């Protein structure tokens, strides 16, 4: 692969950047909201699973006394 000088490299970067399809503000806000909602759903799921497992372990360990 041939080496290019820094100025040619920057020109190529600008050219490739102009080809990128950037998301609109609305798309960005919707995607961000979806990430927060899915994070909340995952946190609630793991909280519930942890609570059930904690209850089960306490029940099993409590049988011996």
PDB file of N, CA and C in Angstrom:
ATOM      1  N   UNK A   1       0.841  -1.177   0.000  1.00  0.00           N
ATOM      2  CA  UNK A   1       0.000   0.000   0.000  1.00  0.00           C
ATOM      3  C   UNK A   1       0.889   1.244   0.000  1.00  0.00           C
ATOM      4  N   UNK A   2       0.617   2.148  -0.910  1.00  0.00           N
ATOM      5  CA  UNK A   2       1.435   3.347  -1.027  1.00  0.00           C
ATOM      6  C   UNK A   2       1.090   4.328   0.086  1.00  0.00           C
ATOM      7  N   UNK A   3       2.133   4.984   0.588  1.00  0.00           N
ATOM      8  CA  UNK A   3       1.917   5.989   1.630  1.00  0.00           C
ATOM      9  C   UNK A   3       1.449   7.280   0.985  1.00  0.00           C
ATOM     10  N   UNK A   4       0.518   7.951   1.672  1.00  0.00           N
ATOM     11  CA  UNK A   4       0.062   9.249   1.187  1.00  0.00           C
ATOM     12  C   UNK A   4       0.522  10.315   2.161  1.00  0.00           C
ATOM     13  N   UNK A   5       0.684  11.515   1.644  1.00  0.00           N
ATOM     14  CA  UNK A   5       1.089  12.592   2.535  1.00  0.00           C
ATOM     15  C   UNK A   5      -0.104  13.048   3.375  1.00  0.00           C
ATOM     16  N   UNK A   6       0.136  13.754   4.469  1.00  0.00           N
ATOM     17  CA  UNK A   6      -0.953  14.140   5.371  1.00  0.00           C
ATOM     18  C   UNK A   6      -2.052  14.970   4.716  1.00  0.00           C
ATOM     19  N   UNK A   7      -1.698  15.832   3.813  1.00  0.00           N
ATOM     20  CA  UNK A   7      -2.711  16.684   3.161  1.00  0.00           C
ATOM     21  C   UNK A   7      -3.631  15.830   2.290  1.00  0.00           C
ATOM     22  N   UNK A   8      -3.054  14.894   1.540  1.00  0.00           N
ATOM     23  CA  UNK A   8      -3.862  13.990   0.713  1.00  0.00           C
ATOM     24  C   UNK A   8      -4.755  13.123   1.605  1.00  0.00           C
ATOM     25  N   UNK A   9      -4.206  12.676   2.731  1.00  0.00           N
ATOM     26  CA  UNK A   9      -4.982  11.870   3.675  1.00  0.00           C
ATOM     27  C   UNK A   9      -6.190  12.656   4.183  1.00  0.00           C
ATOM     28  N   UNK A  10      -5.989  13.893   4.588  1.00  0.00           N
ATOM     29  CA  UNK A  10      -7.098  14.722   5.079  1.00  0.00           C
ATOM     30  C   UNK A  10      -8.136  14.959   3.988  1.00  0.00           C
ATOM     31  N   UNK A  11      -7.683  15.131   2.760  1.00  0.00           N
ATOM     32  CA  UNK A  11      -8.622  15.310   1.652  1.00  0.00           C
ATOM     33  C   UNK A  11      -9.480  14.059   1.479  1.00  0.00           C
ATOM     34  N   UNK A  12      -8.848  12.887   1.576  1.00  0.00           N
ATOM     35  CA  UNK A  12      -9.588  11.640   1.451  1.00  0.00           C
ATOM     36  C   UNK A  12     -10.568  11.449   2.614  1.00  0.00           C
ATOM     37  N   UNK A  13     -10.151  11.840   3.803  1.00  0.00           N
ATOM     38  CA  UNK A  13     -11.041  11.737   4.967  1.00  0.00           C
ATOM     39  C   UNK A  13     -12.267  12.614   4.774  1.00  0.00           C
ATOM     40  N   UNK A  14     -12.064  13.837   4.323  1.00  0.00           N
ATOM     41  CA  UNK A  14     -13.210  14.730   4.074  1.00  0.00           C
ATOM     42  C   UNK A  14     -14.135  14.153   3.010  1.00  0.00           C
ATOM     43  N   UNK A  15     -13.548  13.567   1.976  1.00  0.00           N
ATOM     44  CA  UNK A  15     -14.338  12.984   0.897  1.00  0.00           C
ATOM     45  C   UNK A  15     -15.184  11.816   1.427  1.00  0.00           C
ATOM     46  N   UNK A  16     -14.585  10.947   2.238  1.00  0.00           N
ATOM     47  CA  UNK A  16     -15.315   9.805   2.789  1.00  0.00           C
ATOM     48  C   UNK A  16     -16.365  10.262   3.804  1.00  0.00           C
ATOM     49  N   UNK A  17     -16.052  11.289   4.597  1.00  0.00           N
ATOM     50  CA  UNK A  17     -16.999  11.805   5.576  1.00  0.00           C
ATOM     51  C   UNK A  17     -18.233  12.380   4.897  1.00  0.00           C
ATOM     52  N   UNK A  18     -18.064  12.951   3.725  1.00  0.00           N
ATOM     53  CA  UNK A  18     -19.224  13.509   3.016  1.00  0.00           C
ATOM     54  C   UNK A  18     -20.163  12.422   2.526  1.00  0.00           C
ATOM     55  N   UNK A  19     -19.693  11.173   2.441  1.00  0.00           N
ATOM     56  CA  UNK A  19     -20.532  10.063   1.993  1.00  0.00           C
ATOM     57  C   UNK A  19     -21.371   9.464   3.124  1.00  0.00           C
ATOM     58  N   UNK A  20     -21.045   9.825   4.362  1.00  0.00           N
ATOM     59  CA  UNK A  20     -21.737   9.254   5.521  1.00  0.00           C
ATOM     60  C   UNK A  20     -23.157   9.805   5.600  1.00  0.00           C
ATOM     61  N   UNK A  21     -24.115   8.921   5.882  1.00  0.00           N
ATOM     62  CA  UNK A  21     -25.488   9.353   6.111  1.00  0.00           C
ATOM     63  C   UNK A  21     -25.654   9.578   7.613  1.00  0.00           C
ATOM     64  N   UNK A  22     -25.721  10.835   8.009  1.00  0.00           N
ATOM     65  CA  UNK A  22     -25.801  11.176   9.426  1.00  0.00           C
ATOM     66  C   UNK A  22     -27.253  11.096   9.888  1.00  0.00           C
ATOM     67  N   UNK A  23     -27.505  10.632  11.114  1.00  0.00           N
ATOM     68  CA  UNK A  23     -28.880  10.556  11.611  1.00  0.00           C
ATOM     69  C   UNK A  23     -29.429  11.953  11.892  1.00  0.00           C
ATOM     70  N   UNK A  24     -30.741  12.059  11.761  1.00  0.00           N
ATOM     71  CA  UNK A  24     -31.380  13.335  12.073  1.00  0.00           C
ATOM     72  C   UNK A  24     -31.466  13.484  13.592  1.00  0.00           C
ATOM     73  N   UNK A  25     -31.814  14.676  14.029  1.00  0.00           N
ATOM     74  CA  UNK A  25     -31.958  14.934  15.467  1.00  0.00           C
ATOM     75  C   UNK A  25     -33.049  14.049  16.048  1.00  0.00           C
ATOM     76  N   UNK A  26     -34.140  13.894  15.311  1.00  0.00           N
ATOM     77  CA  UNK A  26     -35.253  13.066  15.781  1.00  0.00           C
ATOM     78  C   UNK A  26     -34.825  11.609  15.938  1.00  0.00           C
ATOM     79  N   UNK A  27     -34.101  11.081  14.939  1.00  0.00           N
ATOM     80  CA  UNK A  27     -33.623   9.695  15.016  1.00  0.00           C
ATOM     81  C   UNK A  27     -32.688   9.500  16.206  1.00  0.00           C
ATOM     82  N   UNK A  28     -31.835  10.489  16.457  1.00  0.00           N
ATOM     83  CA  UNK A  28     -30.903  10.403  17.584  1.00  0.00           C
ATOM     84  C   UNK A  28     -31.653  10.405  18.907  1.00  0.00           C
ATOM     85  N   UNK A  29     -32.654  11.266  19.048  1.00  0.00           N
ATOM     86  CA  UNK A  29     -33.421  11.330  20.292  1.00  0.00           C
ATOM     87  C   UNK A  29     -34.214  10.046  20.521  1.00  0.00           C
ATOM     88  N   UNK A  30     -34.818   9.497  19.468  1.00  0.00           N
ATOM     89  CA  UNK A  30     -35.585   8.256  19.593  1.00  0.00           C
ATOM     90  C   UNK A  30     -34.660   7.106  19.987  1.00  0.00           C
ATOM     91  N   UNK A  31     -33.514   7.014  19.346  1.00  0.00           N
ATOM     92  CA  UNK A  31     -32.567   5.943  19.660  1.00  0.00           C
ATOM     93  C   UNK A  31     -32.048   6.072  21.090  1.00  0.00           C
ATOM     94  N   UNK A  32     -31.741   7.290  21.519  1.00  0.00           N
ATOM     95  CA  UNK A  32     -31.283   7.515  22.893  1.00  0.00           C
ATOM     96  C   UNK A  32     -32.355   7.113  23.890  1.00  0.00           C
ATOM     97  N   UNK A  33     -33.601   7.476  23.615  1.00  0.00           N
ATOM     98  CA  UNK A  33     -34.704   7.089  24.491  1.00  0.00           C
ATOM     99  C   UNK A  33     -34.852   5.577  24.571  1.00  0.00           C
ATOM    100  N   UNK A  34     -34.707   4.901  23.440  1.00  0.00           N
ATOM    101  CA  UNK A  34     -34.815   3.442  23.426  1.00  0.00           C
ATOM    102  C   UNK A  34     -33.699   2.807  24.261  1.00  0.00           C
ATOM    103  N   UNK A  35     -32.504   3.365  24.206  1.00  0.00           N
ATOM    104  CA  UNK A  35     -31.387   2.835  24.994  1.00  0.00           C
ATOM    105  C   UNK A  35     -31.694   2.977  26.484  1.00  0.00           C
ATOM    106  N   UNK A  36     -32.209   4.123  26.903  1.00  0.00           N
ATOM    107  CA  UNK A  36     -32.548   4.317  28.317  1.00  0.00           C
ATOM    108  C   UNK A  36     -33.667   3.381  28.756  1.00  0.00           C
ATOM    109  N   UNK A  37     -34.678   3.196  27.926  1.00  0.00           N
ATOM    110  CA  UNK A  37     -35.787   2.305  28.268  1.00  0.00           C
ATOM    111  C   UNK A  37     -35.292   0.863  28.383  1.00  0.00           C
ATOM    112  N   UNK A  38     -34.493   0.415  27.435  1.00  0.00           N
ATOM    113  CA  UNK A  38     -33.981  -0.952  27.492  1.00  0.00           C
ATOM    114  C   UNK A  38     -33.040  -1.140  28.687  1.00  0.00           C
ATOM    115  N   UNK A  39     -32.285  -0.122  29.035  1.00  0.00           N
ATOM    116  CA  UNK A  39     -31.435  -0.190  30.231  1.00  0.00           C
ATOM    117  C   UNK A  39     -32.273  -0.328  31.484  1.00  0.00           C
ATOM    118  N   UNK A  40     -33.383   0.399  31.548  1.00  0.00           N
ATOM    119  CA  UNK A  40     -34.291   0.306  32.692  1.00  0.00           C
ATOM    120  C   UNK A  40     -34.946  -1.068  32.757  1.00  0.00           C
ATOM    121  N   UNK A  41     -35.385  -1.586  31.625  1.00  0.00           N
ATOM    122  CA  UNK A  41     -35.996  -2.921  31.579  1.00  0.00           C
ATOM    123  C   UNK A  41     -34.994  -3.978  32.031  1.00  0.00           C
ATOM    124  N   UNK A  42     -33.756  -3.891  31.562  1.00  0.00           N
ATOM    125  CA  UNK A  42     -32.732  -4.855  31.962  1.00  0.00           C
ATOM    126  C   UNK A  42     -32.444  -4.751  33.455  1.00  0.00           C
ATOM    127  N   UNK A  43     -32.367  -3.531  33.982  1.00  0.00           N
ATOM    128  CA  UNK A  43     -32.106  -3.338  35.411  1.00  0.00           C
ATOM    129  C   UNK A  43     -33.233  -3.940  36.244  1.00  0.00           C
ATOM    130  N   UNK A  44     -34.483  -3.720  35.841  1.00  0.00           N
ATOM    131  CA  UNK A  44     -35.617  -4.292  36.576  1.00  0.00           C
ATOM    132  C   UNK A  44     -35.617  -5.817  36.503  1.00  0.00           C
ATOM    133  N   UNK A  45     -35.311  -6.362  35.335  1.00  0.00           N
ATOM    134  CA  UNK A  45     -35.256  -7.814  35.174  1.00  0.00           C
ATOM    135  C   UNK A  45     -34.220  -8.418  36.109  1.00  0.00           C
ATOM    136  N   UNK A  46     -33.008  -7.867  36.104  1.00  0.00           N
ATOM    137  CA  UNK A  46     -31.956  -8.427  36.953  1.00  0.00           C
ATOM    138  C   UNK A  46     -32.242  -8.201  38.435  1.00  0.00           C
ATOM    139  N   UNK A  47     -32.910  -7.105  38.772  1.00  0.00           N
ATOM    140  CA  UNK A  47     -33.319  -6.887  40.165  1.00  0.00           C
ATOM    141  C   UNK A  47     -34.301  -7.965  40.601  1.00  0.00           C
ATOM    142  N   UNK A  48     -35.276  -8.262  39.756  1.00  0.00           N
ATOM    143  CA  UNK A  48     -36.260  -9.293  40.099  1.00  0.00           C
ATOM    144  C   UNK A  48     -35.611 -10.679  40.191  1.00  0.00           C
ATOM    145  N   UNK A  49     -34.752 -11.016  39.253  1.00  0.00           N
ATOM    146  CA  UNK A  49     -34.066 -12.315  39.294  1.00  0.00           C
ATOM    147  C   UNK A  49     -33.207 -12.407  40.550  1.00  0.00           C
ATOM    148  N   UNK A  50     -32.496 -11.351  40.886  1.00  0.00           N
ATOM    149  CA  UNK A  50     -31.661 -11.336  42.081  1.00  0.00           C
ATOM    150  C   UNK A  50     -32.513 -11.493  43.341  1.00  0.00           C
ATOM    151  N   UNK A  51     -33.664 -10.847  43.374  1.00  0.00           N
ATOM    152  CA  UNK A  51     -34.545 -10.950  44.541  1.00  0.00           C
ATOM    153  C   UNK A  51     -35.073 -12.370  44.701  1.00  0.00           C
ATOM    154  N   UNK A  52     -35.465 -12.989  43.608  1.00  0.00           N
ATOM    155  CA  UNK A  52     -35.975 -14.364  43.667  1.00  0.00           C
ATOM    156  C   UNK A  52     -34.870 -15.321  44.119  1.00  0.00           C
ATOM    157  N   UNK A  53     -33.681 -15.172  43.566  1.00  0.00           N
ATOM    158  CA  UNK A  53     -32.567 -16.033  43.966  1.00  0.00           C
ATOM    159  C   UNK A  53     -32.187 -15.813  45.432  1.00  0.00           C
ATOM    160  N   UNK A  54     -32.189 -14.560  45.880  1.00  0.00           N
ATOM    161  CA  UNK A  54     -31.881 -14.267  47.276  1.00  0.00           C
ATOM    162  C   UNK A  54     -32.907 -14.912  48.193  1.00  0.00           C
ATOM    163  N   UNK A  55     -34.185 -14.800  47.838  1.00  0.00           N
ATOM    164  CA  UNK A  55     -35.244 -15.428  48.628  1.00  0.00           C
ATOM    165  C   UNK A  55     -35.058 -16.942  48.664  1.00  0.00           C
ATOM    166  N   UNK A  56     -34.746 -17.549  47.530  1.00  0.00           N
ATOM    167  CA  UNK A  56     -34.546 -18.999  47.473  1.00  0.00           C
ATOM    168  C   UNK A  56     -33.384 -19.455  48.322  1.00  0.00           C
ATOM    169  N   UNK A  57     -32.263 -18.729  48.268  1.00  0.00           N
ATOM    170  CA  UNK A  57     -31.089 -19.108  49.067  1.00  0.00           C
ATOM    171  C   UNK A  57     -31.391 -18.932  50.551  1.00  0.00           C
ATOM    172  N   UNK A  58     -32.060 -17.839  50.928  1.00  0.00           N
ATOM    173  CA  UNK A  58     -32.417 -17.632  52.333  1.00  0.00           C
ATOM    174  C   UNK A  58     -33.375 -18.711  52.814  1.00  0.00           C
ATOM    175  N   UNK A  59     -34.285 -19.142  51.964  1.00  0.00           N
ATOM    176  CA  UNK A  59     -35.242 -20.194  52.337  1.00  0.00           C
ATOM    177  C   UNK A  59     -34.514 -21.509  52.559  1.00  0.00           C
ATOM    178  N   UNK A  60     -33.619 -21.852  51.634  1.00  0.00           N
ATOM    179  CA  UNK A  60     -32.864 -23.114  51.748  1.00  0.00           C
ATOM    180  C   UNK A  60     -31.955 -23.084  52.979  1.00  0.00           C
ATOM    181  N   UNK A  61     -31.243 -21.996  53.189  1.00  0.00           N
ATOM    182  CA  UNK A  61     -30.354 -21.903  54.335  1.00  0.00           C
ATOM    183  C   UNK A  61     -31.126 -21.821  55.647  1.00  0.00           C
ATOM    184  N   UNK A  62     -32.321 -21.305  55.601  1.00  0.00           N
ATOM    185  CA  UNK A  62     -33.140 -21.190  56.817  1.00  0.00           C
ATOM    186  C   UNK A  62     -33.731 -22.510  57.245  1.00  0.00           C
ATOM    187  N   UNK A  63     -33.816 -23.504  56.349  1.00  0.00           N
ATOM    188  CA  UNK A  63     -34.390 -24.810  56.684  1.00  0.00           C
ATOM    189  C   UNK A  63     -33.518 -25.553  57.671  1.00  0.00           C
ATOM    190  N   UNK A  64     -32.205 -25.327  57.659  1.00  0.00           N
ATOM    191  CA  UNK A  64     -31.306 -26.070  58.522  1.00  0.00           C
ATOM    192  C   UNK A  64     -31.334 -25.634  59.964  1.00  0.00           C
ATOM    193  N   UNK A  65     -31.902 -24.489  60.280  1.00  0.00           N
ATOM    194  CA  UNK A  65     -31.861 -24.031  61.665  1.00  0.00           C
ATOM    195  C   UNK A  65     -33.144 -24.242  62.420  1.00  0.00           C
TER     196      UNK A  65
END
